C-alpha atoms as a PDB file:
ATOM      1  CA  MET A   1      12.345  -5.046  32.733  1.00  0.00           C
ATOM      2  CA  SER A   2      14.135  -8.430  30.980  1.00  0.00           C
ATOM      3  CA  GLN A   3      15.027  -8.641  27.448  1.00  0.00           C
ATOM      4  CA  ASN A   4      11.881 -10.919  26.670  1.00  0.00           C
ATOM      5  CA  ASP A   5       9.504  -8.169  28.005  1.00  0.00           C
ATOM      6  CA  THR A   6      11.170  -5.524  25.718  1.00  0.00           C
ATOM      7  CA  GLN A   7      10.918  -7.911  22.784  1.00  0.00           C
ATOM      8  CA  ASP A   8       7.369  -8.691  23.346  1.00  0.00           C
ATOM      9  CA  ASN A   9       6.767  -4.636  23.384  1.00  0.00           C
ATOM     10  CA  LYS A  10       8.646  -4.192  20.077  1.00  0.00           C
ATOM     11  CA  THR A  11       6.635  -7.109  18.701  1.00  0.00           C
ATOM     12  CA  SER A  12       3.300  -5.471  19.575  1.00  0.00           C
ATOM     13  CA  GLU A  13       4.525  -2.320  18.307  1.00  0.00           C
ATOM     14  CA  LEU A  14       5.098  -3.747  14.866  1.00  0.00           C
ATOM     15  CA  ASP A  15       1.939  -5.663  15.007  1.00  0.00           C
ATOM     16  CA  SER A  16      -0.106  -2.206  14.755  1.00  0.00           C
ATOM     17  CA  VAL A  17       0.664   0.603  12.902  1.00  0.00           C
ATOM     18  CA  GLU A  18      -1.415   3.988  13.022  1.00  0.00           C
ATOM     19  CA  LEU A  19      -2.426   5.021   9.450  1.00  0.00           C
ATOM     20  CA  LYS A  20      -2.414   8.700   8.335  1.00  0.00           C
ATOM     21  CA  ASP A  21      -6.328   8.934   8.882  1.00  0.00           C
ATOM     22  CA  GLY A  22      -5.772   8.180  12.420  1.00  0.00           C
ATOM     23  CA  ARG A  23      -6.989   4.479  12.452  1.00  0.00           C
ATOM     24  CA  ASP A  24      -4.719   1.501  13.361  1.00  0.00           C
ATOM     25  CA  ALA A  25      -3.601  -0.895  10.881  1.00  0.00           C
ATOM     26  CA  ASP A  26      -3.018  -4.628  12.282  1.00  0.00           C
ATOM     27  CA  LEU A  27       0.145  -5.875  10.809  1.00  0.00           C
ATOM     28  CA  SER A  28       0.020  -9.339  12.177  1.00  0.00           C
ATOM     29  CA  ILE A  29       0.530 -12.612  10.249  1.00  0.00           C
ATOM     30  CA  SER A  30      -3.269 -13.748  10.898  1.00  0.00           C
ATOM     31  CA  SER A  31      -4.574 -10.256   9.645  1.00  0.00           C
ATOM     32  CA  ARG A  32      -2.233 -10.201   6.628  1.00  0.00           C
ATOM     33  CA  ASP A  33      -3.708 -13.868   5.544  1.00  0.00           C
ATOM     34  CA  LYS A  34      -7.472 -12.756   6.206  1.00  0.00           C
ATOM     35  CA  VAL A  35      -6.617  -9.796   3.843  1.00  0.00           C
ATOM     36  CA  ARG A  36      -5.118 -12.121   1.339  1.00  0.00           C
ATOM     37  CA  LYS A  37      -8.045 -14.600   1.340  1.00  0.00           C
ATOM     38  CA  GLN A  38     -10.461 -11.693   1.241  1.00  0.00           C
ATOM     39  CA  LEU A  39      -8.741 -10.459  -2.037  1.00  0.00           C
ATOM     40  CA  GLU A  40      -8.540 -14.003  -3.407  1.00  0.00           C
ATOM     41  CA  ASP A  41     -12.270 -14.208  -2.818  1.00  0.00           C
ATOM     42  CA  GLU A  42     -13.061 -10.929  -4.543  1.00  0.00           C
ATOM     43  CA  VAL A  43     -10.844 -11.594  -7.692  1.00  0.00           C
ATOM     44  CA  GLU A  44     -12.753 -15.053  -8.199  1.00  0.00           C
ATOM     45  CA  ALA A  45     -15.961 -13.445  -7.867  1.00  0.00           C
ATOM     46  CA  PHE A  46     -14.983 -10.798 -10.458  1.00  0.00           C
ATOM     47  CA  LEU A  47     -13.476 -13.438 -12.820  1.00  0.00           C
ATOM     48  CA  ALA A  48     -16.786 -15.819 -12.146  1.00  0.00           C
ATOM     49  CA  LYS A  49     -18.816 -12.618 -13.303  1.00  0.00           C
ATOM     50  CA  GLY A  50     -17.164 -12.284 -16.654  1.00  0.00           C
ATOM     51  CA  GLY A  51     -14.635  -9.865 -15.697  1.00  0.00           C
ATOM     52  CA  GLN A  52     -11.112  -9.902 -17.300  1.00  0.00           C
ATOM     53  CA  ILE A  53      -7.672  -9.074 -15.791  1.00  0.00           C
ATOM     54  CA  ASP A  54      -5.342  -7.140 -18.462  1.00  0.00           C
ATOM     55  CA  GLN A  55      -1.642  -7.495 -18.214  1.00  0.00           C
ATOM     56  CA  VAL A  56       0.019  -4.125 -18.256  1.00  0.00           C
ATOM     57  CA  ALA A  57       3.499  -3.666 -20.144  1.00  0.00           C
ATOM     58  CA  PRO A  58       5.947  -2.606 -17.262  1.00  0.00           C
ATOM     59  CA  ASN A  59       7.154   0.512 -19.104  1.00  0.00           C
ATOM     60  CA  VAL A  60       3.598   2.052 -19.434  1.00  0.00           C
ATOM     61  CA  THR A  61       2.543   4.677 -16.858  1.00  0.00           C
ATOM     62  CA  ALA A  62      -0.441   6.637 -16.012  1.00  0.00           C
ATOM     63  CA  ASP A  63       1.602   9.929 -15.713  1.00  0.00           C
ATOM     64  CA  PRO A  64       2.039  11.522 -19.326  1.00  0.00           C
ATOM     65  CA  PRO A  65       5.187  13.466 -19.820  1.00  0.00           C
ATOM     66  CA  GLN A  66       4.920  17.141 -19.149  1.00  0.00           C
ATOM     67  CA  LYS A  67       6.362  20.211 -21.178  1.00  0.00           C
ATOM     68  CA  PRO A  68       9.406  21.407 -19.199  1.00  0.00           C
ATOM     69  CA  GLN A  69       8.903  24.631 -17.495  1.00  0.00           C
ATOM     70  CA  ASN A  70      10.758  27.607 -18.201  1.00  0.00           C
ATOM     71  CA  ASN A  71      11.899  29.357 -15.255  1.00  0.00           C
ATOM     72  CA  TYR A  72      14.769  31.705 -16.764  1.00  0.00           C
ATOM     73  CA  CYS A  73      14.388  35.105 -15.509  1.00  0.00           C
ATOM     74  CA  SER A  74      11.214  34.326 -13.689  1.00  0.00           C
ATOM     75  CA  ARG A  75      12.362  36.042 -10.456  1.00  0.00           C
ATOM     76  CA  PRO A  76      11.420  39.660 -10.036  1.00  0.00           C
ATOM     77  CA  ILE A  77      13.915  42.190  -9.994  1.00  0.00           C
END
């Protein structure tokens, strides 16, 4: 097995990754360009129908702060 064959094998391994649900994700440049173009088209269609994109401040989170839990003496004797 030559070095070129090994490199081709690594490249093909990187082009496809198995997702958690068992499907294969194609990570090639052409597939990424296709997904990027699809996203651009969907955003343009959304804006054309009167949709609006809001900018969210970087310090805003969807996870509100929670009350600290008291674990003092929580273990059974």
